[in-house]
Amino acid sequence: MLFLFRAAFWIAVVAAFAPAGLAGFQVTERDDASIESVLAAGQDIMAFCADMPAICDAGREATVLLGGMADATTEGVNHWLETREEAEPRQTVLADSGA
């Protein structure tokens, strides 16, 4: 549950500061309303954290823990891919030109 609050907060922050032309879209009035609703959600989450700082602190700690676990997993997968590639080098198949 806390993860969802934190995720929504950070998505709101990123959405608020992302340039409008980032993906080549034109900003419309409907988009402005969407941005305002995301900002309102971010403000609600910030108010929640102001009312219950212990819960937000626990969420921060969990985020740090999950980030460390993701880093360790990424390193493990990279190591596995490197050892696999060393054991089984890729073979290049050349197409026969038919000449």
C-alpha atoms as a PDB file:
ATOM      1  CA  MET A   1       0.000   0.000   0.000  1.00  0.00           C
ATOM      2  CA  LEU A   2       2.773   2.418   0.899  1.00  0.00           C
ATOM      3  CA  PHE A   3       4.572   1.557  -2.284  1.00  0.00           C
ATOM      4  CA  LEU A   4       1.524   2.682  -4.251  1.00  0.00           C
ATOM      5  CA  PHE A   5       1.476   6.030  -2.452  1.00  0.00           C
ATOM      6  CA  ARG A   6       5.174   6.567  -3.092  1.00  0.00           C
ATOM      7  CA  ALA A   7       4.891   5.476  -6.705  1.00  0.00           C
ATOM      8  CA  ALA A   8       1.965   7.827  -7.306  1.00  0.00           C
ATOM      9  CA  PHE A   9       3.860  10.676  -5.654  1.00  0.00           C
ATOM     10  CA  TRP A  10       6.992  10.217  -7.767  1.00  0.00           C
ATOM     11  CA  ILE A  11       4.994   9.737 -10.953  1.00  0.00           C
ATOM     12  CA  ALA A  12       3.243  13.017 -10.160  1.00  0.00           C
ATOM     13  CA  VAL A  13       6.575  14.757  -9.606  1.00  0.00           C
ATOM     14  CA  VAL A  14       8.032  13.435 -12.854  1.00  0.00           C
ATOM     15  CA  ALA A  15       4.874  14.277 -14.788  1.00  0.00           C
ATOM     16  CA  ALA A  16       4.846  17.799 -13.383  1.00  0.00           C
ATOM     17  CA  PHE A  17       8.386  18.567 -14.461  1.00  0.00           C
ATOM     18  CA  ALA A  18       8.551  16.623 -17.728  1.00  0.00           C
ATOM     19  CA  PRO A  19       8.512  18.906 -20.767  1.00  0.00           C
ATOM     20  CA  ALA A  20       5.293  18.816 -22.765  1.00  0.00           C
ATOM     21  CA  GLY A  21       7.067  18.059 -26.028  1.00  0.00           C
ATOM     22  CA  LEU A  22       9.051  15.161 -24.558  1.00  0.00           C
ATOM     23  CA  ALA A  23       7.149  12.568 -26.555  1.00  0.00           C
ATOM     24  CA  GLY A  24       6.121  14.879 -29.378  1.00  0.00           C
ATOM     25  CA  PHE A  25       2.604  15.511 -28.076  1.00  0.00           C
ATOM     26  CA  GLN A  26       0.758  18.788 -28.172  1.00  0.00           C
ATOM     27  CA  VAL A  27      -0.666  19.976 -24.861  1.00  0.00           C
ATOM     28  CA  THR A  28      -4.441  20.400 -24.878  1.00  0.00           C
ATOM     29  CA  GLU A  29      -6.912  21.623 -22.271  1.00  0.00           C
ATOM     30  CA  ARG A  30      -7.673  18.017 -21.420  1.00  0.00           C
ATOM     31  CA  ASP A  31      -3.970  17.427 -20.769  1.00  0.00           C
ATOM     32  CA  ASP A  32      -3.887  20.468 -18.509  1.00  0.00           C
ATOM     33  CA  ALA A  33      -6.722  18.966 -16.461  1.00  0.00           C
ATOM     34  CA  SER A  34      -4.835  15.679 -16.251  1.00  0.00           C
ATOM     35  CA  ILE A  35      -1.700  17.425 -15.068  1.00  0.00           C
ATOM     36  CA  GLU A  36      -3.700  19.321 -12.468  1.00  0.00           C
ATOM     37  CA  SER A  37      -5.232  16.078 -11.166  1.00  0.00           C
ATOM     38  CA  VAL A  38      -1.775  14.469 -10.936  1.00  0.00           C
ATOM     39  CA  LEU A  39      -0.467  17.489  -9.054  1.00  0.00           C
ATOM     40  CA  ALA A  40      -3.457  17.330  -6.712  1.00  0.00           C
ATOM     41  CA  ALA A  41      -2.712  13.661  -6.045  1.00  0.00           C
ATOM     42  CA  GLY A  42       0.908  14.553  -5.289  1.00  0.00           C
ATOM     43  CA  GLN A  43      -0.221  17.251  -2.878  1.00  0.00           C
ATOM     44  CA  ASP A  44      -2.552  14.762  -1.169  1.00  0.00           C
ATOM     45  CA  ILE A  45       0.348  12.363  -0.721  1.00  0.00           C
ATOM     46  CA  MET A  46       2.563  15.122   0.652  1.00  0.00           C
ATOM     47  CA  ALA A  47      -0.195  16.032   3.126  1.00  0.00           C
ATOM     48  CA  PHE A  48      -0.480  12.373   4.088  1.00  0.00           C
ATOM     49  CA  CYS A  49       3.282  12.285   4.746  1.00  0.00           C
ATOM     50  CA  ALA A  50       3.014  15.448   6.834  1.00  0.00           C
ATOM     51  CA  ASP A  51       0.265  13.840   8.945  1.00  0.00           C
ATOM     52  CA  MET A  52       1.959  10.435   9.254  1.00  0.00           C
ATOM     53  CA  PRO A  53       5.721  10.865   8.858  1.00  0.00           C
ATOM     54  CA  ALA A  54       6.515   7.431  10.327  1.00  0.00           C
ATOM     55  CA  ILE A  55       4.691   5.721   7.474  1.00  0.00           C
ATOM     56  CA  CYS A  56       6.504   7.796   4.846  1.00  0.00           C
ATOM     57  CA  ASP A  57       9.855   7.119   6.544  1.00  0.00           C
ATOM     58  CA  ALA A  58       9.122   3.397   6.393  1.00  0.00           C
ATOM     59  CA  GLY A  59       8.252   3.793   2.712  1.00  0.00           C
ATOM     60  CA  ARG A  60      11.542   5.574   2.064  1.00  0.00           C
ATOM     61  CA  GLU A  61      13.449   2.795   3.804  1.00  0.00           C
ATOM     62  CA  ALA A  62      11.569   0.184   1.794  1.00  0.00           C
ATOM     63  CA  THR A  63      12.372   2.037  -1.417  1.00  0.00           C
ATOM     64  CA  VAL A  64      16.075   2.079  -0.545  1.00  0.00           C
ATOM     65  CA  LEU A  65      15.929  -1.638   0.257  1.00  0.00           C
ATOM     66  CA  LEU A  66      14.128  -2.456  -2.988  1.00  0.00           C
ATOM     67  CA  GLY A  67      16.591  -0.322  -4.929  1.00  0.00           C
ATOM     68  CA  GLY A  68      19.494  -2.258  -3.422  1.00  0.00           C
ATOM     69  CA  MET A  69      17.801  -5.542  -4.248  1.00  0.00           C
ATOM     70  CA  ALA A  70      17.222  -4.389  -7.828  1.00  0.00           C
ATOM     71  CA  ASP A  71      20.887  -3.417  -8.160  1.00  0.00           C
ATOM     72  CA  ALA A  72      22.021  -6.786  -6.826  1.00  0.00           C
ATOM     73  CA  THR A  73      19.649  -8.607  -9.175  1.00  0.00           C
ATOM     74  CA  THR A  74      20.880  -6.586 -12.140  1.00  0.00           C
ATOM     75  CA  GLU A  75      24.505  -7.345 -11.290  1.00  0.00           C
ATOM     76  CA  GLY A  76      23.668 -11.049 -10.974  1.00  0.00           C
ATOM     77  CA  VAL A  77      21.891 -11.158 -14.324  1.00  0.00           C
ATOM     78  CA  ASN A  78      24.736  -9.269 -16.017  1.00  0.00           C
ATOM     79  CA  HIS A  79      27.283 -11.680 -14.547  1.00  0.00           C
ATOM     80  CA  TRP A  80      25.200 -14.659 -15.680  1.00  0.00           C
ATOM     81  CA  LEU A  81      24.907 -13.242 -19.213  1.00  0.00           C
ATOM     82  CA  GLU A  82      28.644 -12.562 -19.395  1.00  0.00           C
ATOM     83  CA  THR A  83      29.586 -16.073 -18.247  1.00  0.00           C
ATOM     84  CA  ARG A  84      27.038 -17.578 -20.623  1.00  0.00           C
ATOM     85  CA  GLU A  85      28.421 -15.548 -23.502  1.00  0.00           C
ATOM     86  CA  GLU A  86      31.996 -16.601 -22.664  1.00  0.00           C
ATOM     87  CA  ALA A  87      30.971 -20.262 -22.515  1.00  0.00           C
ATOM     88  CA  GLU A  88      28.924 -20.171 -25.722  1.00  0.00           C
ATOM     89  CA  PRO A  89      30.246 -17.524 -28.119  1.00  0.00           C
ATOM     90  CA  ARG A  90      27.768 -16.424 -30.731  1.00  0.00           C
ATOM     91  CA  GLN A  91      28.191 -17.966 -34.124  1.00  0.00           C
ATOM     92  CA  THR A  92      27.651 -15.753 -37.126  1.00  0.00           C
ATOM     93  CA  VAL A  93      25.839 -17.420 -39.996  1.00  0.00           C
ATOM     94  CA  LEU A  94      26.632 -15.927 -43.361  1.00  0.00           C
ATOM     95  CA  ALA A  95      23.947 -16.142 -45.995  1.00  0.00           C
ATOM     96  CA  ASP A  96      24.914 -17.939 -49.163  1.00  0.00           C
ATOM     97  CA  SER A  97      24.839 -15.482 -52.046  1.00  0.00           C
ATOM     98  CA  GLY A  98      23.826 -18.234 -54.499  1.00  0.00           C
ATOM     99  CA  ALA A  99      26.545 -17.322 -56.966  1.00  0.00           C
END
